[in-house]
Amino acid sequence: ALDAHETGSITVGIHEVAYSIYGNPQGTPALFVHGGPGGGTVPNHARYFDPDHYRIILVDQRGCGKSTPFASLEDNTTWDLVADYEKIREKLGIE
């Protein structure tokens, strides 16, 4: 498995949404969206991308993986998830 070179989170309401970044810090950004509900990301998900070319961003959606509160459905709609990805994009300075 690859090692994350950066981890972090964003706070949105009651949720803390965790992310990990793998691969080339200067590479083309690639966002990995895991299945659900209740799943999450694992380092091997980064292997779907060439780590020399891509800046691979794995996000644990609200209520999943390392995000908290685990298994919470409160304020957890598709539109909330899309807004979370946008906030992470902005935080990471991705155009």
C-alpha atoms as a PDB file:
ATOM      1  CA  ALA A   1       0.000   0.000   0.000  1.00  0.00           C
ATOM      2  CA  LEU A   2       1.033   3.585  -0.521  1.00  0.00           C
ATOM      3  CA  ASP A   3       1.580   5.870   2.446  1.00  0.00           C
ATOM      4  CA  ALA A   4      -0.430   9.075   2.781  1.00  0.00           C
ATOM      5  CA  HIS A   5       1.758  12.170   2.688  1.00  0.00           C
ATOM      6  CA  GLU A   6      -1.038  14.329   4.125  1.00  0.00           C
ATOM      7  CA  THR A   7      -4.164  13.745   6.194  1.00  0.00           C
ATOM      8  CA  GLY A   8      -6.758  16.176   7.411  1.00  0.00           C
ATOM      9  CA  SER A   9     -10.415  16.895   7.869  1.00  0.00           C
ATOM     10  CA  ILE A  10     -13.105  19.515   7.498  1.00  0.00           C
ATOM     11  CA  THR A  11     -15.843  20.281  10.003  1.00  0.00           C
ATOM     12  CA  VAL A  12     -19.370  20.622   8.640  1.00  0.00           C
ATOM     13  CA  GLY A  13     -22.096  20.867  11.259  1.00  0.00           C
ATOM     14  CA  ILE A  14     -21.890  17.802  13.493  1.00  0.00           C
ATOM     15  CA  HIS A  15     -19.624  16.000  11.003  1.00  0.00           C
ATOM     16  CA  GLU A  16     -15.839  15.774  10.834  1.00  0.00           C
ATOM     17  CA  VAL A  17     -15.020  14.580   7.290  1.00  0.00           C
ATOM     18  CA  ALA A  18     -11.601  12.921   7.027  1.00  0.00           C
ATOM     19  CA  TYR A  19      -9.362  12.742   3.975  1.00  0.00           C
ATOM     20  CA  SER A  20      -5.943  11.335   3.071  1.00  0.00           C
ATOM     21  CA  ILE A  21      -3.691  12.342   0.188  1.00  0.00           C
ATOM     22  CA  TYR A  22      -1.345  10.011  -1.674  1.00  0.00           C
ATOM     23  CA  GLY A  23       0.889  10.162  -4.719  1.00  0.00           C
ATOM     24  CA  ASN A  24       2.511  13.179  -6.331  1.00  0.00           C
ATOM     25  CA  PRO A  25       1.834  16.405  -4.368  1.00  0.00           C
ATOM     26  CA  GLN A  26       2.259  18.358  -7.628  1.00  0.00           C
ATOM     27  CA  GLY A  27       0.276  15.862  -9.714  1.00  0.00           C
ATOM     28  CA  THR A  28      -3.117  16.098 -11.357  1.00  0.00           C
ATOM     29  CA  PRO A  29      -5.770  15.907  -8.603  1.00  0.00           C
ATOM     30  CA  ALA A  30      -7.906  12.756  -8.549  1.00  0.00           C
ATOM     31  CA  LEU A  31     -10.780  12.391  -6.077  1.00  0.00           C
ATOM     32  CA  PHE A  32     -11.759   8.846  -5.114  1.00  0.00           C
ATOM     33  CA  VAL A  33     -15.398   8.425  -4.050  1.00  0.00           C
ATOM     34  CA  HIS A  34     -16.031   5.182  -2.149  1.00  0.00           C
ATOM     35  CA  GLY A  35     -19.238   3.193  -2.078  1.00  0.00           C
ATOM     36  CA  GLY A  36     -21.548   3.235   0.866  1.00  0.00           C
ATOM     37  CA  PRO A  37     -23.237   3.456   3.157  1.00  0.00           C
ATOM     38  CA  GLY A  38     -20.922   2.720   6.045  1.00  0.00           C
ATOM     39  CA  GLY A  39     -17.833   1.935   3.997  1.00  0.00           C
ATOM     40  CA  GLY A  40     -14.782   4.095   3.845  1.00  0.00           C
ATOM     41  CA  THR A  41     -11.421   4.342   2.180  1.00  0.00           C
ATOM     42  CA  VAL A  42      -8.325   2.213   2.666  1.00  0.00           C
ATOM     43  CA  PRO A  43      -4.811   2.986   1.406  1.00  0.00           C
ATOM     44  CA  ASN A  44      -5.124   0.374  -1.373  1.00  0.00           C
ATOM     45  CA  HIS A  45      -7.806   2.545  -3.037  1.00  0.00           C
ATOM     46  CA  ALA A  46      -4.980   4.900  -4.031  1.00  0.00           C
ATOM     47  CA  ARG A  47      -3.609   2.113  -6.231  1.00  0.00           C
ATOM     48  CA  TYR A  48      -6.334   2.763  -8.804  1.00  0.00           C
ATOM     49  CA  PHE A  49      -4.234   5.767  -9.889  1.00  0.00           C
ATOM     50  CA  ASP A  50      -0.619   6.202 -11.027  1.00  0.00           C
ATOM     51  CA  PRO A  51       1.002   7.776  -7.939  1.00  0.00           C
ATOM     52  CA  ASP A  52       3.740   9.373 -10.054  1.00  0.00           C
ATOM     53  CA  HIS A  53       1.160  11.304 -12.077  1.00  0.00           C
ATOM     54  CA  TYR A  54      -1.755  11.922  -9.683  1.00  0.00           C
ATOM     55  CA  ARG A  55      -2.385  13.705  -6.388  1.00  0.00           C
ATOM     56  CA  ILE A  56      -4.816  11.116  -5.041  1.00  0.00           C
ATOM     57  CA  ILE A  57      -7.425  12.341  -2.560  1.00  0.00           C
ATOM     58  CA  LEU A  58      -9.353   9.696  -0.622  1.00  0.00           C
ATOM     59  CA  VAL A  59     -12.305  11.061   1.353  1.00  0.00           C
ATOM     60  CA  ASP A  60     -14.282   9.167   3.977  1.00  0.00           C
ATOM     61  CA  GLN A  61     -17.822  10.429   3.434  1.00  0.00           C
ATOM     62  CA  ARG A  62     -19.993  11.637   6.321  1.00  0.00           C
ATOM     63  CA  GLY A  63     -20.622   8.772   8.742  1.00  0.00           C
ATOM     64  CA  CYS A  64     -18.019   6.497   7.100  1.00  0.00           C
ATOM     65  CA  GLY A  65     -14.484   5.287   7.757  1.00  0.00           C
ATOM     66  CA  LYS A  66     -12.462   7.763   9.826  1.00  0.00           C
ATOM     67  CA  SER A  67     -15.159  10.456   9.588  1.00  0.00           C
ATOM     68  CA  THR A  68     -17.250  11.132  12.671  1.00  0.00           C
ATOM     69  CA  PRO A  69     -19.836  10.596  14.029  1.00  0.00           C
ATOM     70  CA  PHE A  70     -19.687   7.080  12.570  1.00  0.00           C
ATOM     71  CA  ALA A  71     -22.863   5.816  10.851  1.00  0.00           C
ATOM     72  CA  SER A  72     -24.701   9.110  11.398  1.00  0.00           C
ATOM     73  CA  LEU A  73     -27.429   9.846   8.872  1.00  0.00           C
ATOM     74  CA  GLU A  74     -28.151  13.305  10.272  1.00  0.00           C
ATOM     75  CA  ASP A  75     -27.480  16.034   7.678  1.00  0.00           C
ATOM     76  CA  ASN A  76     -26.149  13.338   5.371  1.00  0.00           C
ATOM     77  CA  THR A  77     -27.621  13.701   1.884  1.00  0.00           C
ATOM     78  CA  THR A  78     -26.036  13.422  -1.541  1.00  0.00           C
ATOM     79  CA  TRP A  79     -26.007  17.220  -1.749  1.00  0.00           C
ATOM     80  CA  ASP A  80     -24.227  17.425   1.616  1.00  0.00           C
ATOM     81  CA  LEU A  81     -21.543  15.056   0.300  1.00  0.00           C
ATOM     82  CA  VAL A  82     -21.114  17.109  -2.879  1.00  0.00           C
ATOM     83  CA  ALA A  83     -20.725  20.259  -0.753  1.00  0.00           C
ATOM     84  CA  ASP A  84     -18.086  18.468   1.354  1.00  0.00           C
ATOM     85  CA  TYR A  85     -16.047  17.629  -1.756  1.00  0.00           C
ATOM     86  CA  GLU A  86     -16.222  21.266  -2.801  1.00  0.00           C
ATOM     87  CA  LYS A  87     -15.001  22.420   0.633  1.00  0.00           C
ATOM     88  CA  ILE A  88     -12.117  19.956   0.504  1.00  0.00           C
ATOM     89  CA  ARG A  89     -11.260  21.112  -3.026  1.00  0.00           C
ATOM     90  CA  GLU A  90     -11.117  24.711  -1.809  1.00  0.00           C
ATOM     91  CA  LYS A  91      -9.109  23.824   1.327  1.00  0.00           C
ATOM     92  CA  LEU A  92      -6.530  21.980  -0.777  1.00  0.00           C
ATOM     93  CA  GLY A  93      -6.272  24.853  -3.275  1.00  0.00           C
ATOM     94  CA  ILE A  94      -7.425  22.768  -6.235  1.00  0.00           C
ATOM     95  CA  GLU A  95      -8.793  24.761  -9.179  1.00  0.00           C
END
